[in-house]
Protein backbone atom coordinates (compact mmCIF):
# COMPACT_ATOMS: atom_id res chain seq x y z
CA UNK A 1 -70.34 -20.28 44.85
CA UNK A 2 -70.64 -21.15 41.48
CA UNK A 3 -69.46 -18.67 38.85
CA UNK A 4 -70.38 -18.58 35.26
CA UNK A 5 -69.20 -17.43 31.95
CA UNK A 6 -71.72 -17.28 28.99
CA UNK A 7 -70.61 -17.51 25.39
CA UNK A 8 -72.67 -17.46 22.08
CA UNK A 9 -75.24 -14.88 23.13
CA UNK A 10 -75.34 -11.15 23.61
CA UNK A 11 -78.69 -11.29 24.93
CA UNK A 12 -78.28 -9.27 28.40
CA UNK A 13 -81.52 -10.37 29.78
CA UNK A 14 -80.81 -14.04 28.99
CA UNK A 15 -77.45 -13.62 30.77
CA UNK A 16 -79.04 -12.21 33.88
CA UNK A 17 -81.82 -14.77 33.86
CA UNK A 18 -79.10 -17.37 33.63
CA UNK A 19 -77.26 -16.00 36.70
CA UNK A 20 -80.48 -15.70 38.69
CA UNK A 21 -81.34 -19.32 37.80
CA UNK A 22 -77.80 -20.41 39.02
CA UNK A 23 -78.31 -18.76 42.07
CA UNK A 24 -81.92 -20.33 42.62
CA UNK A 25 -80.50 -24.00 41.80
CA UNK A 26 -77.33 -23.27 44.25
CA UNK A 27 -79.87 -22.43 46.99
CA UNK A 28 -82.05 -25.62 46.07
CA UNK A 29 -79.17 -28.09 45.96
CA UNK A 30 -76.49 -26.65 48.09
CA UNK A 31 -73.40 -28.76 48.35
CA UNK A 32 -74.30 -30.81 45.23
CA UNK A 33 -73.51 -27.98 43.09
CA UNK A 34 -69.69 -27.80 42.15
CA UNK A 35 -67.75 -25.24 43.39
CA UNK A 36 -65.73 -23.17 40.69
CA UNK A 37 -66.63 -21.80 37.27
CA UNK A 38 -68.68 -23.05 34.62
CA UNK A 39 -68.87 -22.19 31.08
CA UNK A 40 -72.37 -21.99 29.15
CA UNK A 41 -71.85 -22.15 25.27
CA UNK A 42 -74.59 -21.69 22.93
CA UNK A 43 -73.89 -23.36 19.71
CA UNK A 44 -75.51 -24.64 16.46
CA UNK A 45 -76.65 -27.95 15.60
CA UNK A 46 -73.38 -28.98 13.75
CA UNK A 47 -71.32 -28.27 16.62
CA UNK A 48 -73.42 -30.00 19.13
CA UNK A 49 -73.90 -33.08 16.78
CA UNK A 50 -69.90 -33.34 16.67
CA UNK A 51 -69.71 -33.28 20.56
CA UNK A 52 -72.65 -35.79 20.89
CA UNK A 53 -70.97 -38.18 18.28
CA UNK A 54 -67.41 -37.65 19.68
CA UNK A 55 -68.32 -38.01 23.52
CA UNK A 56 -71.57 -40.02 23.75
CA UNK A 57 -71.48 -41.96 20.23
CA UNK A 58 -74.75 -40.47 19.22
CA UNK A 59 -74.70 -39.47 15.72
CA UNK A 60 -77.35 -36.63 15.83
CA UNK A 61 -77.82 -33.27 17.19
CA UNK A 62 -79.15 -33.02 20.70
CA UNK A 63 -80.45 -29.69 22.59
CA UNK A 64 -77.98 -29.82 25.82
CA UNK A 65 -74.83 -31.48 26.87
CA UNK A 66 -73.09 -31.21 30.12
CA UNK A 67 -69.48 -32.03 31.03
CA UNK A 68 -68.38 -32.16 34.48
CA UNK A 69 -64.50 -31.66 34.66
CA UNK A 70 -63.01 -33.66 37.73
CA UNK A 71 -59.64 -32.09 37.22
CA UNK A 72 -59.13 -28.48 37.21
CA UNK A 73 -57.96 -26.89 33.83
CA UNK A 74 -56.03 -24.19 35.61
CA UNK A 75 -53.33 -25.97 37.58
CA UNK A 76 -51.35 -24.05 39.97
CA UNK A 77 -53.57 -20.89 40.12
CA UNK A 78 -54.65 -21.03 43.66
CA UNK A 79 -56.81 -17.80 43.58
CA UNK A 80 -58.52 -18.37 40.06
CA UNK A 81 -61.77 -20.21 40.12
CA UNK A 82 -61.05 -23.51 38.66
CA UNK A 83 -63.18 -24.58 35.74
CA UNK A 84 -65.64 -27.60 36.79
CA UNK A 85 -67.99 -27.87 33.92
CA UNK A 86 -69.26 -27.09 30.56
CA UNK A 87 -72.79 -26.74 29.38
CA UNK A 88 -73.44 -26.75 25.65
CA UNK A 89 -76.83 -25.71 24.28
CA UNK A 90 -77.90 -25.85 20.65
CA UNK A 91 -79.71 -22.62 19.67
CA UNK A 92 -81.38 -24.31 16.57
CA UNK A 93 -82.56 -27.37 18.73
CA UNK A 94 -83.87 -25.12 21.25
CA UNK A 95 -85.76 -22.98 18.67
CA UNK A 96 -87.46 -26.00 17.09
CA UNK A 97 -88.42 -27.26 20.56
CA UNK A 98 -89.88 -24.06 21.68
CA UNK A 99 -91.83 -23.77 18.58
CA UNK A 100 -93.30 -27.15 18.95
CA UNK A 101 -94.16 -26.59 22.84
CA UNK A 102 -95.66 -23.12 22.07
CA UNK A 103 -93.22 -21.18 24.28
CA UNK A 104 -90.69 -18.52 23.91
CA UNK A 105 -87.13 -19.53 22.86
CA UNK A 106 -85.61 -17.65 25.83
CA UNK A 107 -87.89 -20.00 28.10
CA UNK A 108 -86.62 -23.25 26.37
CA UNK A 109 -83.05 -21.86 26.60
CA UNK A 110 -83.66 -21.17 30.19
CA UNK A 111 -84.96 -24.88 30.72
CA UNK A 112 -82.08 -26.23 28.84
CA UNK A 113 -79.63 -24.23 31.00
CA UNK A 114 -81.37 -25.69 34.17
CA UNK A 115 -81.28 -29.27 32.78
CA UNK A 116 -77.51 -28.91 32.07
CA UNK A 117 -77.01 -27.30 35.83
CA UNK A 118 -78.86 -30.26 37.50
CA UNK A 119 -76.65 -32.81 35.46
CA UNK A 120 -73.53 -31.07 36.78
CA UNK A 121 -74.87 -31.21 40.26
CA UNK A 122 -75.12 -35.12 39.44
CA UNK A 123 -78.82 -35.63 39.15
CA UNK A 124 -80.13 -38.10 36.98
CA UNK A 125 -83.39 -37.56 34.73
CA UNK A 126 -85.41 -39.53 37.43
CA UNK A 127 -84.17 -37.32 40.11
CA UNK A 128 -84.90 -34.09 38.33
CA UNK A 129 -88.47 -35.24 37.77
CA UNK A 130 -88.71 -35.54 41.55
CA UNK A 131 -87.68 -32.01 42.05
CA UNK A 132 -90.91 -30.55 40.02
């Protein structure tokens, strides 16, 4: 089963909903989901802009970035879950998008977590549309 650590928010309701969402996606996708641990990190636009430029060559902030790690970051620790991916979400971008869509910020954040999880499972945008 996929384990999660959440950074950058103390909203316990959001954390609980993220864990529920992960269980739902795991049931939906089964073996496509990586086994191990993922980090979900809420950041600001400045931070995600830097990541977007460094790793994707895009010189602008974005709402969500997913990074699947193919090699474990905890070598030699057989009992510890291995870090298999990270999802970075811009709170500022999510706030703007929620306002534009007329939805709650929490709902936008959950949608971005879901988007990031589906990318970690290897789904493209076209494949994600087919799930809906």
